[in-house]
Amino acid sequence: MPLIAGQEGYAIYCCSSYGPVFGNGHDLCIVDSPNSNHCSVNLNNTYMYQCPAGQNANSFLTGNETFTVSEIEVFGFEKY
């Protein structure tokens, strides 16, 4: 099921103490040390996700609300 942005202007937040943060309510947060188990998922603040029946939206994507990142792919973008 698709992840849909519900609040325009809050797609991504950048701060030196975090890695990328997606959504106004930190829907998906990758911290500056992603292998520390402090990355988190808290969907349905900005990004609306309808997961399968009986599943929790905050653990469905990663298996838990907090997680570590073993591999990350980075893309650049330019704001117009």
Protein backbone atom coordinates (compact mmCIF):
# COMPACT_ATOMS: atom_id res chain seq x y z
CA MET A 1 0.00 0.00 0.00
CA PRO A 2 1.30 3.48 -0.79
CA LEU A 3 2.70 5.96 1.68
CA ILE A 4 0.85 9.24 1.11
CA ALA A 5 2.04 12.66 2.29
CA GLY A 6 -0.82 14.34 4.14
CA GLN A 7 0.73 17.73 4.97
CA GLU A 8 2.38 19.72 2.21
CA GLY A 9 5.74 21.23 3.15
CA TYR A 10 6.73 18.56 5.67
CA ALA A 11 8.17 15.89 3.40
CA ILE A 12 11.68 15.96 4.88
CA TYR A 13 13.39 17.70 7.79
CA CYS A 14 17.14 18.09 7.99
CA CYS A 15 19.12 18.82 11.16
CA SER A 16 22.77 18.24 12.10
CA SER A 17 21.81 16.00 15.04
CA TYR A 18 19.69 13.72 12.82
CA GLY A 19 20.01 12.01 9.55
CA PRO A 20 16.96 12.44 7.33
CA VAL A 21 13.62 12.87 9.10
CA PHE A 22 10.49 12.37 7.04
CA GLY A 23 7.26 14.03 8.12
CA ASN A 24 6.29 16.74 10.61
CA GLY A 25 5.75 14.21 13.41
CA HIS A 26 9.03 12.38 12.69
CA ASP A 27 7.11 9.69 10.82
CA LEU A 28 10.40 8.10 9.78
CA CYS A 29 13.56 9.22 11.57
CA ILE A 30 17.09 8.10 10.72
CA VAL A 31 19.50 9.38 13.38
CA ASP A 32 23.12 10.45 12.78
CA SER A 33 24.36 7.05 14.06
CA PRO A 34 21.84 4.72 12.38
CA ASN A 35 23.29 1.50 13.86
CA SER A 36 22.43 2.67 17.42
CA ASN A 37 18.78 1.46 17.54
CA HIS A 38 17.49 5.02 17.87
CA CYS A 39 15.96 5.24 14.41
CA SER A 40 12.19 5.27 14.65
CA VAL A 41 8.89 4.95 12.81
CA ASN A 42 5.82 6.90 13.92
CA LEU A 43 3.53 6.92 10.88
CA ASN A 44 0.24 8.74 10.35
CA ASN A 45 1.40 12.18 11.49
CA THR A 46 2.32 13.51 8.05
CA TYR A 47 2.54 10.30 6.04
CA MET A 48 -0.64 8.26 6.01
CA TYR A 49 -0.09 4.54 5.68
CA GLN A 50 -2.84 1.97 5.58
CA CYS A 51 -1.18 -1.30 6.49
CA PRO A 52 -2.84 -4.73 6.25
CA ALA A 53 -5.59 -5.55 8.75
CA GLY A 54 -4.25 -6.60 12.14
CA GLN A 55 -0.86 -4.94 11.63
CA ASN A 56 0.56 -1.94 13.49
CA ALA A 57 1.61 0.91 11.17
CA ASN A 58 4.54 1.80 13.48
CA SER A 59 6.09 -1.67 13.29
CA PHE A 60 4.94 -2.97 9.90
CA LEU A 61 7.71 -1.37 7.80
CA THR A 62 10.67 -2.23 10.06
CA GLY A 63 9.42 -4.88 12.51
CA ASN A 64 9.58 -2.49 15.49
CA GLU A 65 9.05 1.20 16.31
CA THR A 66 12.82 1.57 16.84
CA PHE A 67 15.36 -0.04 14.58
CA THR A 68 18.93 0.01 13.34
CA VAL A 69 20.00 0.65 9.77
CA SER A 70 22.48 -1.78 8.26
CA GLU A 71 22.51 -0.25 4.77
CA ILE A 72 21.36 3.11 3.42
CA GLU A 73 21.18 4.52 -0.08
CA VAL A 74 21.42 8.29 -0.43
CA PHE A 75 19.97 10.37 -3.24
CA GLY A 76 20.50 14.07 -3.78
CA PHE A 77 17.73 16.48 -4.58
CA GLU A 78 17.49 20.13 -5.39
CA LYS A 79 14.70 22.37 -4.09
CA TYR A 80 13.25 24.74 -6.67
